[in-house]
Amino acid sequence: MNDRTYEIMFIVRPDVEEADLDKLIEGFQKNVTDGGGEVRSTEKMGRRRLAYTVRKFNDGFYVLLTIAAEGKLITEIERRLRVSEPVIKFITVRMDEEEKRLAKIKAHRDTHVKRSAIPVQPAHPFPSSAPAAAVDAPVAASEPAAETPAAETPAAEAATPVEAPAEPVNA
């Protein structure tokens, strides 16, 4: 069989009872299974407000059916949706091409290494840990650690004089 995956979303009139809505959904599911298709999922999305008035209704019950079936069966389901009075709007979307596209994107992403996952190496790495200890040692030897507050140390480093730039050349 050449089954394709489809999503059929339809909107049912707001004045339909819950039991009648369930019966309507079961009828469409039965049509799919009798026609040789497979209902993968059914989702009742509840009562929602419509973006614009459809057949004098401002809200309706949204239902999403995900099915795997042939094209002939889909045209029959669409025909039944069109002639069904409680259904005020429907749309059918073929999902297998979208699933292929998403799988291709995922495979492409999996083959490439994420740059943020690679650790960044410093531009001038220290050859060993000895210079870092040598820098800390004179500070510790010249002044006791208890007398030097941590806030004064960066300020002392910032107060070192900076050479003035050379005189600008006028052209």
N, C-alpha and C. Protein backbone atom coordinates (compact mmCIF):
# COMPACT_ATOMS: atom_id res chain seq x y z
N MET A 1 0.84 -1.20 0.00
CA MET A 1 0.00 0.00 0.00
C MET A 1 0.88 1.24 0.00
N ASN A 2 0.34 2.29 -0.57
CA ASN A 2 1.06 3.55 -0.64
C ASN A 2 0.42 4.54 0.33
N ASP A 3 0.47 4.21 1.62
CA ASP A 3 -0.16 5.07 2.63
C ASP A 3 0.70 6.29 2.89
N ARG A 4 0.03 7.39 3.05
CA ARG A 4 0.67 8.64 3.43
C ARG A 4 0.02 9.13 4.70
N THR A 5 0.74 9.96 5.42
CA THR A 5 0.23 10.49 6.68
C THR A 5 -0.44 11.84 6.42
N TYR A 6 -1.62 12.00 6.99
CA TYR A 6 -2.38 13.24 6.84
C TYR A 6 -2.88 13.70 8.21
N GLU A 7 -3.01 14.99 8.34
CA GLU A 7 -3.71 15.57 9.49
C GLU A 7 -4.96 16.24 8.96
N ILE A 8 -6.07 15.87 9.54
CA ILE A 8 -7.34 16.48 9.17
C ILE A 8 -7.87 17.21 10.39
N MET A 9 -7.97 18.52 10.28
CA MET A 9 -8.54 19.30 11.37
C MET A 9 -9.88 19.82 10.89
N PHE A 10 -10.87 19.61 11.74
CA PHE A 10 -12.18 20.14 11.39
C PHE A 10 -12.81 20.83 12.60
N ILE A 11 -13.69 21.77 12.30
CA ILE A 11 -14.36 22.55 13.33
C ILE A 11 -15.84 22.20 13.29
N VAL A 12 -16.36 21.85 14.46
CA VAL A 12 -17.76 21.45 14.58
C VAL A 12 -18.52 22.60 15.22
N ARG A 13 -19.78 22.75 14.83
CA ARG A 13 -20.63 23.82 15.36
C ARG A 13 -20.64 23.82 16.89
N PRO A 14 -20.73 24.98 17.51
CA PRO A 14 -20.68 25.04 18.97
C PRO A 14 -21.95 24.53 19.66
N ASP A 15 -23.07 24.43 18.92
CA ASP A 15 -24.31 23.98 19.54
C ASP A 15 -24.48 22.46 19.54
N VAL A 16 -23.46 21.73 19.09
CA VAL A 16 -23.50 20.26 19.06
C VAL A 16 -23.17 19.74 20.46
N GLU A 17 -23.95 18.76 20.91
CA GLU A 17 -23.72 18.16 22.23
C GLU A 17 -22.44 17.32 22.22
N GLU A 18 -21.87 17.10 23.39
CA GLU A 18 -20.63 16.33 23.53
C GLU A 18 -20.80 14.89 23.01
N ALA A 19 -21.95 14.29 23.31
CA ALA A 19 -22.20 12.91 22.86
C ALA A 19 -22.29 12.86 21.33
N ASP A 20 -22.93 13.85 20.73
CA ASP A 20 -23.04 13.89 19.28
C ASP A 20 -21.66 14.13 18.63
N LEU A 21 -20.83 14.93 19.29
CA LEU A 21 -19.48 15.18 18.79
C LEU A 21 -18.66 13.89 18.81
N ASP A 22 -18.75 13.13 19.90
CA ASP A 22 -18.05 11.85 19.98
C ASP A 22 -18.53 10.88 18.91
N LYS A 23 -19.85 10.87 18.68
CA LYS A 23 -20.42 9.99 17.66
C LYS A 23 -19.93 10.39 16.26
N LEU A 24 -19.81 11.69 16.01
CA LEU A 24 -19.33 12.20 14.72
C LEU A 24 -17.86 11.79 14.50
N ILE A 25 -17.04 11.94 15.54
CA ILE A 25 -15.62 11.56 15.45
C ILE A 25 -15.49 10.06 15.20
N GLU A 26 -16.27 9.27 15.94
CA GLU A 26 -16.23 7.82 15.76
C GLU A 26 -16.65 7.43 14.34
N GLY A 27 -17.61 8.15 13.77
CA GLY A 27 -18.05 7.89 12.40
C GLY A 27 -16.93 8.12 11.40
N PHE A 28 -16.18 9.23 11.56
CA PHE A 28 -15.07 9.49 10.66
C PHE A 28 -13.95 8.47 10.85
N GLN A 29 -13.70 8.06 12.10
CA GLN A 29 -12.69 7.04 12.36
C GLN A 29 -13.08 5.71 11.70
N LYS A 30 -14.37 5.38 11.77
CA LYS A 30 -14.85 4.15 11.16
C LYS A 30 -14.71 4.21 9.64
N ASN A 31 -14.99 5.37 9.05
CA ASN A 31 -14.81 5.53 7.61
C ASN A 31 -13.36 5.31 7.20
N VAL A 32 -12.44 5.79 8.02
CA VAL A 32 -11.02 5.63 7.71
C VAL A 32 -10.62 4.16 7.80
N THR A 33 -11.00 3.49 8.88
CA THR A 33 -10.61 2.09 9.06
C THR A 33 -11.29 1.18 8.03
N ASP A 34 -12.56 1.45 7.70
CA ASP A 34 -13.25 0.65 6.69
C ASP A 34 -12.65 0.84 5.30
N GLY A 35 -12.10 2.02 5.05
CA GLY A 35 -11.49 2.30 3.75
C GLY A 35 -10.07 1.77 3.63
N GLY A 36 -9.54 1.16 4.68
CA GLY A 36 -8.20 0.60 4.61
C GLY A 36 -7.13 1.49 5.21
N GLY A 37 -7.53 2.57 5.86
CA GLY A 37 -6.57 3.47 6.49
C GLY A 37 -6.38 3.16 7.96
N GLU A 38 -5.53 3.92 8.58
CA GLU A 38 -5.23 3.73 10.00
C GLU A 38 -5.33 5.07 10.70
N VAL A 39 -6.09 5.12 11.79
CA VAL A 39 -6.18 6.33 12.60
C VAL A 39 -5.04 6.29 13.61
N ARG A 40 -4.10 7.21 13.47
CA ARG A 40 -2.94 7.22 14.37
C ARG A 40 -3.24 7.95 15.66
N SER A 41 -3.98 9.04 15.59
CA SER A 41 -4.34 9.76 16.82
C SER A 41 -5.57 10.62 16.57
N THR A 42 -6.28 10.85 17.65
CA THR A 42 -7.45 11.73 17.64
C THR A 42 -7.30 12.69 18.81
N GLU A 43 -7.44 13.97 18.53
CA GLU A 43 -7.28 14.95 19.59
C GLU A 43 -8.45 15.93 19.53
N LYS A 44 -9.21 15.94 20.62
CA LYS A 44 -10.28 16.94 20.74
C LYS A 44 -9.66 18.15 21.42
N MET A 45 -9.58 19.23 20.70
CA MET A 45 -8.89 20.41 21.20
C MET A 45 -9.82 21.35 21.96
N GLY A 46 -11.07 21.02 21.99
CA GLY A 46 -12.02 21.80 22.77
C GLY A 46 -12.65 22.94 22.01
N ARG A 47 -13.43 23.71 22.75
CA ARG A 47 -14.16 24.83 22.16
C ARG A 47 -13.26 26.05 22.13
N ARG A 48 -13.14 26.64 20.95
CA ARG A 48 -12.28 27.81 20.78
C ARG A 48 -12.98 28.86 19.94
N ARG A 49 -12.51 30.06 20.11
CA ARG A 49 -13.05 31.18 19.34
C ARG A 49 -12.45 31.16 17.94
N LEU A 50 -13.28 31.42 16.94
CA LEU A 50 -12.81 31.46 15.56
C LEU A 50 -12.22 32.84 15.25
N ALA A 51 -11.29 32.88 14.33
CA ALA A 51 -10.66 34.15 13.95
C ALA A 51 -11.65 35.04 13.20
N TYR A 52 -12.58 34.44 12.51
CA TYR A 52 -13.61 35.19 11.78
C TYR A 52 -14.88 34.36 11.77
N THR A 53 -15.99 34.99 11.46
CA THR A 53 -17.29 34.32 11.48
C THR A 53 -17.37 33.32 10.31
N VAL A 54 -17.75 32.08 10.65
CA VAL A 54 -17.93 31.03 9.65
C VAL A 54 -19.35 30.51 9.80
N ARG A 55 -20.14 30.66 8.74
CA ARG A 55 -21.55 30.24 8.75
C ARG A 55 -22.30 30.76 9.97
N LYS A 56 -22.06 32.02 10.29
CA LYS A 56 -22.70 32.74 11.40
C LYS A 56 -22.30 32.21 12.77
N PHE A 57 -21.17 31.52 12.86
CA PHE A 57 -20.67 31.04 14.15
C PHE A 57 -19.36 31.75 14.47
N ASN A 58 -19.19 32.11 15.73
CA ASN A 58 -17.98 32.77 16.18
C ASN A 58 -17.03 31.84 16.93
N ASP A 59 -17.50 30.65 17.30
CA ASP A 59 -16.66 29.67 17.97
C ASP A 59 -17.09 28.27 17.56
N GLY A 60 -16.27 27.28 17.91
CA GLY A 60 -16.58 25.91 17.53
C GLY A 60 -15.65 24.93 18.24
N PHE A 61 -15.96 23.65 18.09
CA PHE A 61 -15.14 22.58 18.67
C PHE A 61 -14.11 22.15 17.64
N TYR A 62 -12.85 22.19 18.03
CA TYR A 62 -11.76 21.79 17.13
C TYR A 62 -11.42 20.32 17.37
N VAL A 63 -11.25 19.58 16.27
CA VAL A 63 -10.89 18.16 16.33
C VAL A 63 -9.76 17.93 15.34
N LEU A 64 -8.72 17.20 15.78
CA LEU A 64 -7.59 16.88 14.92
C LEU A 64 -7.46 15.37 14.80
N LEU A 65 -7.53 14.88 13.57
CA LEU A 65 -7.34 13.46 13.27
C LEU A 65 -6.02 13.30 12.53
N THR A 66 -5.16 12.41 12.99
CA THR A 66 -3.94 12.06 12.27
C THR A 66 -4.14 10.65 11.74
N ILE A 67 -4.09 10.53 10.41
CA ILE A 67 -4.39 9.23 9.80
C ILE A 67 -3.33 8.88 8.77
N ALA A 68 -3.23 7.58 8.48
CA ALA A 68 -2.38 7.09 7.39
C ALA A 68 -3.32 6.39 6.42
N ALA A 69 -3.35 6.90 5.19
CA ALA A 69 -4.30 6.36 4.22
C ALA A 69 -3.85 6.73 2.81
N GLU A 70 -4.54 6.15 1.84
CA GLU A 70 -4.31 6.47 0.44
C GLU A 70 -5.07 7.74 0.06
N GLY A 71 -4.71 8.32 -1.07
CA GLY A 71 -5.33 9.55 -1.53
C GLY A 71 -6.82 9.42 -1.82
N LYS A 72 -7.23 8.25 -2.33
CA LYS A 72 -8.65 8.04 -2.65
C LYS A 72 -9.51 8.10 -1.38
N LEU A 73 -8.99 7.53 -0.31
CA LEU A 73 -9.73 7.56 0.96
C LEU A 73 -9.82 8.98 1.51
N ILE A 74 -8.77 9.75 1.32
CA ILE A 74 -8.77 11.14 1.81
C ILE A 74 -9.82 11.96 1.07
N THR A 75 -9.94 11.76 -0.23
CA THR A 75 -10.97 12.50 -0.97
C THR A 75 -12.37 12.11 -0.50
N GLU A 76 -12.57 10.84 -0.14
CA GLU A 76 -13.87 10.40 0.38
C GLU A 76 -14.14 11.02 1.75
N ILE A 77 -13.13 11.07 2.62
CA ILE A 77 -13.30 11.68 3.94
C ILE A 77 -13.61 13.17 3.78
N GLU A 78 -12.91 13.84 2.87
CA GLU A 78 -13.17 15.27 2.64
C GLU A 78 -14.59 15.48 2.11
N ARG A 79 -15.05 14.57 1.23
CA ARG A 79 -16.42 14.68 0.73
C ARG A 79 -17.42 14.55 1.87
N ARG A 80 -17.17 13.59 2.77
CA ARG A 80 -18.08 13.41 3.91
C ARG A 80 -18.03 14.61 4.86
N LEU A 81 -16.86 15.19 5.04
CA LEU A 81 -16.75 16.39 5.88
C LEU A 81 -17.53 17.55 5.26
N ARG A 82 -17.47 17.64 3.93
CA ARG A 82 -18.15 18.73 3.23
C ARG A 82 -19.66 18.64 3.37
N VAL A 83 -20.20 17.41 3.32
CA VAL A 83 -21.66 17.26 3.37
C VAL A 83 -22.19 17.09 4.80
N SER A 84 -21.31 16.93 5.76
CA SER A 84 -21.73 16.78 7.15
C SER A 84 -22.15 18.14 7.70
N GLU A 85 -23.38 18.24 8.17
CA GLU A 85 -23.91 19.52 8.62
C GLU A 85 -23.21 20.08 9.87
N PRO A 86 -22.87 19.26 10.86
CA PRO A 86 -22.22 19.85 12.04
C PRO A 86 -20.82 20.41 11.77
N VAL A 87 -20.15 19.97 10.70
CA VAL A 87 -18.80 20.46 10.40
C VAL A 87 -18.93 21.77 9.63
N ILE A 88 -18.33 22.83 10.20
CA ILE A 88 -18.43 24.14 9.54
C ILE A 88 -17.16 24.50 8.76
N LYS A 89 -16.03 23.84 9.08
CA LYS A 89 -14.78 24.13 8.38
C LYS A 89 -13.84 22.95 8.57
N PHE A 90 -13.00 22.67 7.55
CA PHE A 90 -12.01 21.60 7.70
C PHE A 90 -10.81 21.91 6.82
N ILE A 91 -9.70 21.29 7.17
CA ILE A 91 -8.48 21.39 6.36
C ILE A 91 -7.74 20.06 6.48
N THR A 92 -7.16 19.63 5.34
CA THR A 92 -6.38 18.40 5.31
C THR A 92 -4.96 18.76 4.90
N VAL A 93 -3.99 18.27 5.67
CA VAL A 93 -2.59 18.56 5.39
C VAL A 93 -1.84 17.25 5.29
N ARG A 94 -1.07 17.10 4.22
CA ARG A 94 -0.25 15.90 4.05
C ARG A 94 1.04 16.09 4.86
N MET A 95 1.29 15.18 5.80
CA MET A 95 2.38 15.35 6.74
C MET A 95 3.63 14.54 6.41
N ASP A 96 3.56 13.56 5.53
CA ASP A 96 4.72 12.71 5.31
C ASP A 96 5.89 13.48 4.68
N GLU A 97 5.62 14.42 3.81
CA GLU A 97 6.69 15.24 3.25
C GLU A 97 7.32 16.11 4.34
N GLU A 98 6.50 16.63 5.21
CA GLU A 98 7.00 17.46 6.31
C GLU A 98 7.86 16.62 7.26
N GLU A 99 7.44 15.39 7.52
CA GLU A 99 8.22 14.50 8.39
C GLU A 99 9.56 14.16 7.75
N LYS A 100 9.57 13.96 6.43
CA LYS A 100 10.83 13.69 5.73
C LYS A 100 11.75 14.89 5.83
N ARG A 101 11.19 16.09 5.64
CA ARG A 101 11.99 17.31 5.70
C ARG A 101 12.59 17.49 7.09
N LEU A 102 11.78 17.27 8.13
CA LEU A 102 12.28 17.41 9.49
C LEU A 102 13.33 16.35 9.81
N ALA A 103 13.16 15.14 9.31
CA ALA A 103 14.15 14.08 9.53
C ALA A 103 15.47 14.44 8.84
N LYS A 104 15.38 15.03 7.66
CA LYS A 104 16.58 15.43 6.94
C LYS A 104 17.32 16.54 7.69
N ILE A 105 16.59 17.50 8.21
CA ILE A 105 17.20 18.59 8.98
C ILE A 105 17.85 18.04 10.24
N LYS A 106 17.18 17.11 10.91
CA LYS A 106 17.72 16.52 12.14
C LYS A 106 18.99 15.74 11.84
N ALA A 107 19.00 14.98 10.75
CA ALA A 107 20.19 14.22 10.38
C ALA A 107 21.35 15.15 10.04
N HIS A 108 21.04 16.25 9.37
CA HIS A 108 22.07 17.23 9.04
C HIS A 108 22.65 17.85 10.30
N ARG A 109 21.79 18.18 11.25
CA ARG A 109 22.26 18.77 12.51
C ARG A 109 23.08 17.77 13.32
N ASP A 110 22.72 16.51 13.27
CA ASP A 110 23.45 15.50 14.03
C ASP A 110 24.85 15.27 13.47
N THR A 111 25.04 15.47 12.16
CA THR A 111 26.36 15.25 11.57
C THR A 111 27.32 16.39 11.90
N HIS A 112 26.81 17.58 12.12
CA HIS A 112 27.67 18.72 12.44
C HIS A 112 27.84 18.86 13.93
N VAL A 113 29.03 19.31 14.32
CA VAL A 113 29.32 19.54 15.73
C VAL A 113 28.85 20.94 16.09
N LYS A 114 28.16 21.02 17.18
CA LYS A 114 27.67 22.32 17.63
C LYS A 114 28.85 23.13 18.15
N ARG A 115 29.04 24.32 17.61
CA ARG A 115 30.21 25.12 17.97
C ARG A 115 30.20 25.55 19.44
N SER A 116 29.05 25.76 20.01
CA SER A 116 29.00 26.17 21.41
C SER A 116 29.36 25.02 22.34
N ALA A 117 29.35 23.78 21.84
CA ALA A 117 29.70 22.64 22.66
C ALA A 117 31.21 22.45 22.75
N ILE A 118 31.97 23.06 21.82
CA ILE A 118 33.42 22.94 21.83
C ILE A 118 33.97 23.93 22.85
N PRO A 119 34.83 23.47 23.79
CA PRO A 119 35.39 24.40 24.78
C PRO A 119 36.32 25.39 24.10
N VAL A 120 36.28 26.63 24.53
CA VAL A 120 37.08 27.70 23.96
C VAL A 120 38.45 27.69 24.61
N GLN A 121 39.51 27.68 23.81
CA GLN A 121 40.88 27.74 24.31
C GLN A 121 41.29 29.20 24.40
N PRO A 122 41.98 29.62 25.48
CA PRO A 122 42.43 31.00 25.57
C PRO A 122 43.45 31.30 24.48
N ALA A 123 43.54 32.58 24.07
CA ALA A 123 44.43 32.98 23.00
C ALA A 123 45.89 32.77 23.38
N HIS A 124 46.27 33.08 24.62
CA HIS A 124 47.65 32.91 25.11
C HIS A 124 47.61 32.01 26.33
N PRO A 125 47.60 30.71 26.12
CA PRO A 125 47.54 29.81 27.27
C PRO A 125 48.86 29.84 28.04
N PHE A 126 48.77 29.64 29.34
CA PHE A 126 49.95 29.56 30.18
C PHE A 126 50.66 28.24 29.89
N PRO A 127 52.00 28.25 29.80
CA PRO A 127 52.71 27.01 29.52
C PRO A 127 52.53 25.99 30.63
N SER A 128 52.46 26.43 31.84
CA SER A 128 52.22 25.53 32.95
C SER A 128 51.59 26.31 34.09
N SER A 129 51.33 25.64 35.19
CA SER A 129 50.71 26.34 36.31
C SER A 129 51.73 27.09 37.15
N ALA A 130 53.04 26.98 36.88
CA ALA A 130 54.09 27.64 37.66
C ALA A 130 53.99 29.16 37.58
N PRO A 131 53.74 29.80 36.41
CA PRO A 131 53.64 31.27 36.40
C PRO A 131 52.46 31.77 37.22
N ALA A 132 51.38 31.06 37.24
CA ALA A 132 50.24 31.50 38.03
C ALA A 132 50.60 31.49 39.50
N ALA A 133 51.36 30.50 39.96
CA ALA A 133 51.80 30.44 41.35
C ALA A 133 52.82 31.52 41.62
N ALA A 134 53.69 31.83 40.64
CA ALA A 134 54.70 32.88 40.82
C ALA A 134 54.04 34.24 40.94
N VAL A 135 52.95 34.48 40.24
CA VAL A 135 52.25 35.76 40.32
C VAL A 135 51.60 35.90 41.69
N ASP A 136 51.02 34.83 42.20
CA ASP A 136 50.37 34.88 43.51
C ASP A 136 51.38 34.97 44.65
N ALA A 137 52.56 34.39 44.50
CA ALA A 137 53.54 34.32 45.57
C ALA A 137 54.05 35.69 46.01
N PRO A 138 54.44 36.63 45.12
CA PRO A 138 54.93 37.92 45.60
C PRO A 138 53.87 38.70 46.37
N VAL A 139 52.65 38.62 45.98
CA VAL A 139 51.59 39.34 46.70
C VAL A 139 51.46 38.77 48.10
N ALA A 140 51.49 37.48 48.21
CA ALA A 140 51.36 36.85 49.51
C ALA A 140 52.58 37.12 50.38
N ALA A 141 53.78 37.22 49.78
CA ALA A 141 54.99 37.44 50.56
C ALA A 141 55.12 38.88 51.01
N SER A 142 54.69 39.84 50.19
CA SER A 142 54.88 41.25 50.55
C SER A 142 53.88 41.73 51.57
N GLU A 143 52.64 41.25 51.50
CA GLU A 143 51.64 41.71 52.45
C GLU A 143 50.88 40.51 52.99
N PRO A 144 50.50 40.54 54.25
CA PRO A 144 49.66 39.47 54.77
C PRO A 144 48.27 39.53 54.13
N ALA A 145 47.65 38.38 53.93
CA ALA A 145 46.35 38.30 53.26
C ALA A 145 45.24 38.91 54.09
N ALA A 146 45.36 38.92 55.41
CA ALA A 146 44.30 39.45 56.27
C ALA A 146 44.21 40.95 56.18
N GLU A 147 45.35 41.64 55.91
CA GLU A 147 45.33 43.10 55.88
C GLU A 147 44.86 43.65 54.54
N THR A 148 44.97 42.91 53.45
CA THR A 148 44.60 43.40 52.12
C THR A 148 43.17 42.98 51.80
N PRO A 149 42.24 43.94 51.71
CA PRO A 149 40.88 43.59 51.31
C PRO A 149 40.86 43.23 49.82
N ALA A 150 39.94 42.39 49.46
CA ALA A 150 39.83 41.92 48.07
C ALA A 150 39.42 43.05 47.14
N ALA A 151 38.70 44.05 47.62
CA ALA A 151 38.23 45.14 46.77
C ALA A 151 39.37 46.06 46.37
N GLU A 152 40.43 46.17 47.18
CA GLU A 152 41.52 47.08 46.84
C GLU A 152 42.45 46.51 45.79
N THR A 153 42.55 45.22 45.67
CA THR A 153 43.49 44.60 44.74
C THR A 153 43.20 44.99 43.29
N PRO A 154 41.96 44.89 42.76
CA PRO A 154 41.71 45.31 41.38
C PRO A 154 41.91 46.81 41.20
N ALA A 155 41.61 47.61 42.20
CA ALA A 155 41.79 49.05 42.07
C ALA A 155 43.26 49.39 41.94
N ALA A 156 44.14 48.68 42.64
CA ALA A 156 45.57 48.92 42.54
C ALA A 156 46.07 48.57 41.15
N GLU A 157 45.57 47.51 40.57
CA GLU A 157 45.97 47.13 39.22
C GLU A 157 45.49 48.14 38.20
N ALA A 158 44.29 48.71 38.40
CA ALA A 158 43.74 49.69 37.47
C ALA A 158 44.48 51.01 37.57
N ALA A 159 45.16 51.31 38.69
CA ALA A 159 45.84 52.59 38.88
C ALA A 159 47.22 52.61 38.22
N THR A 160 47.69 51.51 37.62
CA THR A 160 48.99 51.51 36.96
C THR A 160 48.94 52.44 35.77
N PRO A 161 50.00 53.23 35.56
CA PRO A 161 49.98 54.21 34.46
C PRO A 161 49.99 53.52 33.11
N VAL A 162 49.31 54.15 32.15
CA VAL A 162 49.22 53.65 30.78
C VAL A 162 50.00 54.61 29.91
N GLU A 163 50.79 54.10 28.99
CA GLU A 163 51.60 54.96 28.13
C GLU A 163 50.68 55.77 27.22
N ALA A 164 51.04 57.00 27.01
CA ALA A 164 50.25 57.89 26.14
C ALA A 164 50.54 57.50 24.69
N PRO A 165 49.54 57.62 23.82
CA PRO A 165 49.76 57.28 22.42
C PRO A 165 50.70 58.29 21.76
N ALA A 166 51.34 57.86 20.69
CA ALA A 166 52.24 58.74 19.96
C ALA A 166 51.46 59.90 19.38
N GLU A 167 52.17 60.98 19.06
CA GLU A 167 51.50 62.18 18.53
C GLU A 167 50.87 61.85 17.17
N PRO A 168 49.65 62.35 16.92
CA PRO A 168 49.01 62.08 15.64
C PRO A 168 49.72 62.78 14.50
N VAL A 169 49.74 62.15 13.36
CA VAL A 169 50.37 62.72 12.17
C VAL A 169 49.29 63.43 11.38
N ASN A 170 49.50 64.69 11.09
CA ASN A 170 48.53 65.47 10.31
C ASN A 170 48.85 65.28 8.83
N ALA A 171 47.86 64.89 8.09
CA ALA A 171 48.08 64.68 6.67
C ALA A 171 47.40 65.73 5.84
